[in-house]
N, C-alpha and C. Protein backbone atom coordinates (compact mmCIF):
# COMPACT_ATOMS: atom_id res chain seq x y z
N MET A 1 69.00 135.65 125.55
CA MET A 1 67.74 135.26 124.96
C MET A 1 67.32 133.89 125.48
N ARG A 2 68.27 132.97 125.52
CA ARG A 2 67.93 131.61 125.96
C ARG A 2 67.54 131.59 127.44
N ALA A 3 68.15 132.44 128.23
CA ALA A 3 67.78 132.50 129.66
C ALA A 3 66.37 133.07 129.83
N LEU A 4 66.00 134.04 129.00
CA LEU A 4 64.63 134.56 129.04
C LEU A 4 63.64 133.46 128.67
N GLU A 5 63.96 132.72 127.62
CA GLU A 5 63.11 131.59 127.25
C GLU A 5 63.01 130.59 128.39
N GLU A 6 64.14 130.30 129.02
CA GLU A 6 64.15 129.32 130.10
C GLU A 6 63.29 129.77 131.28
N ALA A 7 63.31 131.04 131.60
CA ALA A 7 62.47 131.54 132.70
C ALA A 7 60.99 131.30 132.41
N VAL A 8 60.58 131.51 131.17
CA VAL A 8 59.18 131.27 130.79
C VAL A 8 58.89 129.77 130.78
N ILE A 9 59.80 128.97 130.26
CA ILE A 9 59.62 127.51 130.24
C ILE A 9 59.44 126.98 131.66
N LEU A 10 60.27 127.43 132.58
CA LEU A 10 60.16 126.98 133.97
C LEU A 10 58.86 127.46 134.62
N THR A 11 58.44 128.67 134.28
CA THR A 11 57.17 129.18 134.80
C THR A 11 56.02 128.32 134.29
N LEU A 12 56.02 128.03 133.01
CA LEU A 12 54.97 127.17 132.44
C LEU A 12 55.01 125.78 133.06
N HIS A 13 56.20 125.26 133.30
CA HIS A 13 56.34 123.94 133.92
C HIS A 13 55.66 123.92 135.29
N SER A 14 55.75 125.02 136.03
CA SER A 14 55.11 125.06 137.36
C SER A 14 53.58 125.02 137.25
N TYR A 15 53.06 125.32 136.06
CA TYR A 15 51.62 125.22 135.80
C TYR A 15 51.29 123.93 135.03
N GLU A 16 52.26 123.05 134.93
CA GLU A 16 52.11 121.78 134.24
C GLU A 16 51.76 121.95 132.75
N ILE A 17 52.37 122.98 132.16
CA ILE A 17 52.25 123.21 130.71
C ILE A 17 53.63 122.92 130.11
N PRO A 18 53.79 121.76 129.46
CA PRO A 18 55.10 121.47 128.86
C PRO A 18 55.38 122.41 127.69
N SER A 19 56.56 122.96 127.66
CA SER A 19 56.92 123.90 126.61
C SER A 19 58.37 123.68 126.20
N THR A 20 58.74 124.30 125.09
CA THR A 20 60.05 124.07 124.52
C THR A 20 60.49 125.26 123.67
N ARG A 21 61.67 125.14 123.12
CA ARG A 21 62.16 126.09 122.13
C ARG A 21 61.95 125.50 120.75
N GLU A 22 61.83 126.37 119.77
CA GLU A 22 61.73 125.94 118.38
C GLU A 22 63.03 126.40 117.72
N PRO A 23 63.87 125.46 117.27
CA PRO A 23 65.20 125.84 116.77
C PRO A 23 65.21 126.97 115.73
N ALA A 24 64.21 127.04 114.87
CA ALA A 24 64.22 128.04 113.80
C ALA A 24 63.71 129.40 114.25
N TYR A 25 63.13 129.49 115.45
CA TYR A 25 62.50 130.73 115.91
C TYR A 25 62.87 131.02 117.36
N THR A 26 62.77 132.27 117.75
CA THR A 26 62.91 132.61 119.17
C THR A 26 61.56 132.43 119.85
N GLY A 27 61.56 132.53 121.16
CA GLY A 27 60.32 132.44 121.91
C GLY A 27 60.13 131.08 122.53
N VAL A 28 58.94 130.89 123.12
CA VAL A 28 58.61 129.64 123.79
C VAL A 28 57.40 129.04 123.12
N TRP A 29 57.45 127.74 122.92
CA TRP A 29 56.46 127.02 122.12
C TRP A 29 55.89 125.84 122.87
N LEU A 30 54.68 125.45 122.50
CA LEU A 30 54.06 124.22 122.95
C LEU A 30 54.03 123.28 121.76
N GLU A 31 54.39 122.04 121.99
CA GLU A 31 54.42 121.05 120.91
C GLU A 31 53.03 120.85 120.33
N GLY A 32 52.97 120.53 119.06
CA GLY A 32 51.72 120.19 118.42
C GLY A 32 51.25 118.80 118.84
N ASP A 33 49.97 118.57 118.69
CA ASP A 33 49.40 117.26 118.98
C ASP A 33 48.26 117.00 118.00
N ALA A 34 47.50 115.97 118.24
CA ALA A 34 46.42 115.61 117.31
C ALA A 34 45.36 116.70 117.21
N ARG A 35 45.19 117.49 118.28
CA ARG A 35 44.15 118.53 118.28
C ARG A 35 44.66 119.91 117.88
N ASN A 36 45.93 120.17 118.12
CA ASN A 36 46.46 121.52 117.92
C ASN A 36 47.81 121.49 117.21
N PRO A 37 48.09 122.53 116.39
CA PRO A 37 49.43 122.64 115.80
C PRO A 37 50.41 123.13 116.87
N LYS A 38 51.66 123.21 116.50
CA LYS A 38 52.66 123.81 117.39
C LYS A 38 52.21 125.24 117.67
N ARG A 39 52.30 125.67 118.95
CA ARG A 39 51.75 126.97 119.34
C ARG A 39 52.79 127.81 120.08
N LYS A 40 52.85 129.09 119.72
CA LYS A 40 53.76 130.02 120.39
C LYS A 40 53.01 130.67 121.54
N ILE A 41 53.62 130.64 122.73
CA ILE A 41 53.00 131.22 123.91
C ILE A 41 53.77 132.43 124.42
N CYS A 42 55.00 132.61 123.93
CA CYS A 42 55.81 133.75 124.37
C CYS A 42 56.75 134.19 123.25
N ALA A 43 56.64 135.46 122.89
CA ALA A 43 57.55 136.05 121.90
C ALA A 43 58.66 136.79 122.65
N ILE A 44 59.85 136.75 122.09
CA ILE A 44 60.99 137.41 122.72
C ILE A 44 61.70 138.22 121.65
N GLY A 45 62.10 139.43 122.02
CA GLY A 45 62.76 140.29 121.06
C GLY A 45 63.94 141.02 121.66
N VAL A 46 64.77 141.55 120.76
CA VAL A 46 65.95 142.32 121.14
C VAL A 46 65.95 143.60 120.32
N HIS A 47 66.31 144.70 120.96
CA HIS A 47 66.43 145.97 120.26
C HIS A 47 67.84 146.50 120.52
N LEU A 48 68.52 146.91 119.48
CA LEU A 48 69.86 147.47 119.60
C LEU A 48 69.85 148.89 119.06
N SER A 49 70.39 149.82 119.85
CA SER A 49 70.46 151.20 119.41
C SER A 49 71.59 151.92 120.15
N ARG A 50 72.49 152.50 119.39
CA ARG A 50 73.59 153.28 119.98
C ARG A 50 74.33 152.52 121.07
N TRP A 51 74.67 151.29 120.78
CA TRP A 51 75.45 150.43 121.66
C TRP A 51 74.70 150.00 122.92
N VAL A 52 73.39 150.18 122.91
CA VAL A 52 72.56 149.74 124.04
C VAL A 52 71.67 148.61 123.55
N THR A 53 71.61 147.54 124.33
CA THR A 53 70.77 146.39 123.99
C THR A 53 69.63 146.30 124.98
N MET A 54 68.42 146.12 124.46
CA MET A 54 67.24 145.92 125.31
C MET A 54 66.59 144.61 124.90
N HIS A 55 66.18 143.83 125.88
CA HIS A 55 65.49 142.58 125.64
C HIS A 55 64.07 142.72 126.17
N GLY A 56 63.16 142.01 125.57
CA GLY A 56 61.78 142.03 126.06
C GLY A 56 61.06 140.77 125.68
N LEU A 57 59.97 140.53 126.38
CA LEU A 57 59.17 139.35 126.05
C LEU A 57 57.69 139.67 126.18
N ALA A 58 56.91 138.98 125.40
CA ALA A 58 55.45 139.08 125.44
C ALA A 58 54.93 137.69 125.76
N PHE A 59 54.53 137.50 127.00
CA PHE A 59 54.09 136.21 127.53
C PHE A 59 52.57 136.21 127.54
N ASN A 60 51.96 135.37 126.72
CA ASN A 60 50.51 135.32 126.62
C ASN A 60 49.92 134.56 127.80
N VAL A 61 49.39 135.30 128.75
CA VAL A 61 48.79 134.69 129.94
C VAL A 61 47.27 134.64 129.74
N ASN A 62 46.62 135.79 129.75
CA ASN A 62 45.18 135.88 129.54
C ASN A 62 44.86 136.66 128.26
N THR A 63 45.73 136.58 127.31
CA THR A 63 45.66 137.35 126.08
C THR A 63 44.43 136.98 125.24
N ASP A 64 43.77 138.00 124.70
CA ASP A 64 42.66 137.77 123.76
C ASP A 64 43.29 137.35 122.42
N LEU A 65 43.21 136.09 122.12
CA LEU A 65 43.88 135.54 120.94
C LEU A 65 43.20 135.91 119.63
N SER A 66 41.99 136.45 119.68
CA SER A 66 41.29 136.80 118.44
C SER A 66 42.03 137.88 117.66
N PHE A 67 42.78 138.72 118.33
CA PHE A 67 43.53 139.78 117.63
C PHE A 67 44.59 139.21 116.70
N PHE A 68 45.10 138.02 117.03
CA PHE A 68 46.15 137.42 116.20
C PHE A 68 45.62 136.97 114.84
N ARG A 69 44.31 136.88 114.67
CA ARG A 69 43.74 136.51 113.38
C ARG A 69 43.91 137.62 112.34
N HIS A 70 44.22 138.85 112.79
CA HIS A 70 44.33 140.00 111.92
C HIS A 70 45.77 140.35 111.53
N ILE A 71 46.72 139.60 112.06
CA ILE A 71 48.13 139.88 111.77
C ILE A 71 48.85 138.57 111.47
N VAL A 72 50.10 138.69 111.08
CA VAL A 72 50.99 137.53 110.96
C VAL A 72 51.93 137.62 112.16
N PRO A 73 51.61 136.90 113.24
CA PRO A 73 52.40 137.03 114.47
C PRO A 73 53.87 136.68 114.26
N CYS A 74 54.72 137.58 114.66
CA CYS A 74 56.17 137.40 114.59
C CYS A 74 56.66 137.09 113.18
N GLY A 75 55.87 137.43 112.19
CA GLY A 75 56.26 137.17 110.81
C GLY A 75 56.20 135.70 110.43
N ILE A 76 55.58 134.87 111.27
CA ILE A 76 55.50 133.43 111.01
C ILE A 76 54.15 133.13 110.37
N ASP A 77 54.20 132.80 109.09
CA ASP A 77 52.98 132.59 108.31
C ASP A 77 52.72 131.11 108.04
N ASP A 78 53.37 130.23 108.79
CA ASP A 78 53.18 128.79 108.60
C ASP A 78 51.80 128.37 109.07
N LYS A 79 51.14 127.55 108.28
CA LYS A 79 49.79 127.07 108.64
C LYS A 79 49.86 126.03 109.75
N ASP A 80 51.04 125.45 109.97
CA ASP A 80 51.16 124.44 111.01
C ASP A 80 51.63 125.02 112.35
N LYS A 81 51.52 126.36 112.49
CA LYS A 81 51.89 127.02 113.74
C LYS A 81 50.79 128.00 114.13
N ASP A 82 50.60 128.16 115.43
CA ASP A 82 49.54 129.03 115.93
C ASP A 82 50.05 129.78 117.15
N VAL A 83 49.19 130.57 117.75
CA VAL A 83 49.50 131.32 118.97
C VAL A 83 48.54 130.85 120.04
N THR A 84 49.01 130.81 121.29
CA THR A 84 48.15 130.39 122.39
C THR A 84 48.45 131.22 123.63
N SER A 85 47.73 130.92 124.69
CA SER A 85 47.92 131.59 125.98
C SER A 85 47.78 130.56 127.09
N MET A 86 48.20 130.94 128.28
CA MET A 86 48.02 130.05 129.43
C MET A 86 46.54 129.80 129.66
N ALA A 87 45.71 130.85 129.56
CA ALA A 87 44.27 130.70 129.77
C ALA A 87 43.67 129.70 128.78
N ALA A 88 44.08 129.79 127.51
CA ALA A 88 43.56 128.87 126.50
C ALA A 88 44.00 127.44 126.80
N GLU A 89 45.24 127.27 127.21
CA GLU A 89 45.75 125.92 127.47
C GLU A 89 45.15 125.31 128.74
N LEU A 90 44.90 126.13 129.74
CA LEU A 90 44.38 125.62 131.01
C LEU A 90 42.86 125.70 131.11
N GLY A 91 42.23 126.35 130.13
CA GLY A 91 40.77 126.40 130.10
C GLY A 91 40.13 127.42 131.02
N GLN A 92 40.94 128.33 131.58
CA GLN A 92 40.38 129.39 132.42
C GLN A 92 41.42 130.50 132.61
N PRO A 93 40.95 131.72 132.86
CA PRO A 93 41.89 132.83 133.10
C PRO A 93 42.79 132.53 134.30
N GLN A 94 43.99 133.04 134.22
CA GLN A 94 44.97 132.82 135.28
C GLN A 94 45.17 134.09 136.10
N ASP A 95 45.52 133.93 137.36
CA ASP A 95 45.81 135.05 138.24
C ASP A 95 47.15 135.65 137.80
N ILE A 96 47.09 136.81 137.16
CA ILE A 96 48.29 137.41 136.58
C ILE A 96 49.35 137.71 137.64
N ASP A 97 48.93 138.08 138.85
CA ASP A 97 49.91 138.36 139.90
C ASP A 97 50.66 137.11 140.31
N LYS A 98 49.99 135.98 140.32
CA LYS A 98 50.67 134.71 140.64
C LYS A 98 51.63 134.31 139.53
N VAL A 99 51.21 134.50 138.30
CA VAL A 99 52.09 134.18 137.17
C VAL A 99 53.32 135.10 137.20
N LYS A 100 53.11 136.39 137.45
CA LYS A 100 54.23 137.33 137.53
C LYS A 100 55.19 136.95 138.65
N ALA A 101 54.65 136.58 139.80
CA ALA A 101 55.49 136.19 140.94
C ALA A 101 56.34 134.97 140.58
N GLU A 102 55.74 134.00 139.91
CA GLU A 102 56.49 132.80 139.51
C GLU A 102 57.56 133.15 138.48
N LEU A 103 57.23 133.99 137.51
CA LEU A 103 58.20 134.38 136.49
C LEU A 103 59.36 135.15 137.13
N LYS A 104 59.04 136.06 138.05
CA LYS A 104 60.09 136.80 138.74
C LYS A 104 60.99 135.87 139.54
N ALA A 105 60.41 134.87 140.17
CA ALA A 105 61.21 133.90 140.94
C ALA A 105 62.15 133.13 140.00
N GLN A 106 61.67 132.78 138.82
CA GLN A 106 62.52 132.07 137.86
C GLN A 106 63.64 132.97 137.34
N PHE A 107 63.32 134.25 137.06
CA PHE A 107 64.37 135.20 136.66
C PHE A 107 65.44 135.31 137.74
N ALA A 108 65.01 135.47 138.98
CA ALA A 108 65.95 135.62 140.08
C ALA A 108 66.86 134.39 140.20
N ARG A 109 66.27 133.21 140.05
CA ARG A 109 67.06 131.99 140.15
C ARG A 109 68.04 131.87 138.98
N LEU A 110 67.58 132.11 137.77
CA LEU A 110 68.43 131.94 136.59
C LEU A 110 69.53 132.99 136.50
N PHE A 111 69.21 134.23 136.89
CA PHE A 111 70.19 135.31 136.79
C PHE A 111 70.90 135.57 138.10
N ASP A 112 70.61 134.73 139.12
CA ASP A 112 71.27 134.77 140.42
C ASP A 112 71.23 136.16 141.07
N PHE A 113 70.01 136.64 141.32
CA PHE A 113 69.84 137.89 142.04
C PHE A 113 68.62 137.81 142.92
N GLU A 114 68.44 138.80 143.77
CA GLU A 114 67.31 138.85 144.68
C GLU A 114 66.49 140.10 144.38
N TYR A 115 65.18 139.93 144.20
CA TYR A 115 64.30 141.08 144.00
C TYR A 115 64.16 141.84 145.30
N ILE A 116 64.11 143.15 145.21
CA ILE A 116 63.83 144.02 146.36
C ILE A 116 62.60 144.81 145.99
N SER A 117 61.57 144.73 146.82
CA SER A 117 60.32 145.43 146.52
C SER A 117 60.51 146.93 146.66
N ASP A 118 59.59 147.70 146.08
CA ASP A 118 59.64 149.15 146.19
C ASP A 118 59.57 149.58 147.65
N ASP A 119 58.76 148.87 148.46
CA ASP A 119 58.68 149.20 149.89
C ASP A 119 60.02 149.02 150.57
N GLU A 120 60.73 147.95 150.23
CA GLU A 120 62.05 147.70 150.82
C GLU A 120 63.04 148.79 150.40
N LYS A 121 62.94 149.26 149.15
CA LYS A 121 63.83 150.32 148.68
C LYS A 121 63.58 151.61 149.45
N ARG A 122 62.29 151.96 149.62
CA ARG A 122 61.95 153.18 150.36
C ARG A 122 62.44 153.11 151.79
N TYR A 123 62.23 151.96 152.42
CA TYR A 123 62.63 151.78 153.81
C TYR A 123 64.15 151.88 153.93
N SER A 124 64.85 151.23 153.02
CA SER A 124 66.30 151.23 153.03
C SER A 124 66.86 152.63 152.81
N SER A 125 66.30 153.40 151.88
CA SER A 125 66.81 154.74 151.60
C SER A 125 66.43 155.72 152.71
N ALA A 126 65.36 155.46 153.43
CA ALA A 126 64.97 156.33 154.55
C ALA A 126 65.96 156.20 155.71
N GLU A 127 66.60 155.02 155.82
CA GLU A 127 67.56 154.80 156.89
C GLU A 127 68.88 155.52 156.61
N SER A 128 69.17 155.75 155.35
CA SER A 128 70.47 156.33 154.96
C SER A 128 70.60 157.75 155.39
């Protein structure tokens, strides 16, 4: 879980968005300031079933934040916490493919592996 958070934190850092962990909650957060409360930008979850563990994350890049007004996000009902997105923080929509590429690069670095594209897989299996 912490490595997933770290991948998002490093991705946000590359966009000059300082982020952190909140000790009482999972996910990635932006510190509060005079204009905004503490804001969650990425939710992270775990599912366990029949001895299988699955991890996932919801990273708000260009997310329509108006939908969060109709729910209690992540069960956090504190008035001093909110939800945000990269687009909201940077003042414009972000190129999702660039954000994905940066996040994938951070995953590869943190988990010490190399991504292989689908084209590379097809080419490699055609040689076999």
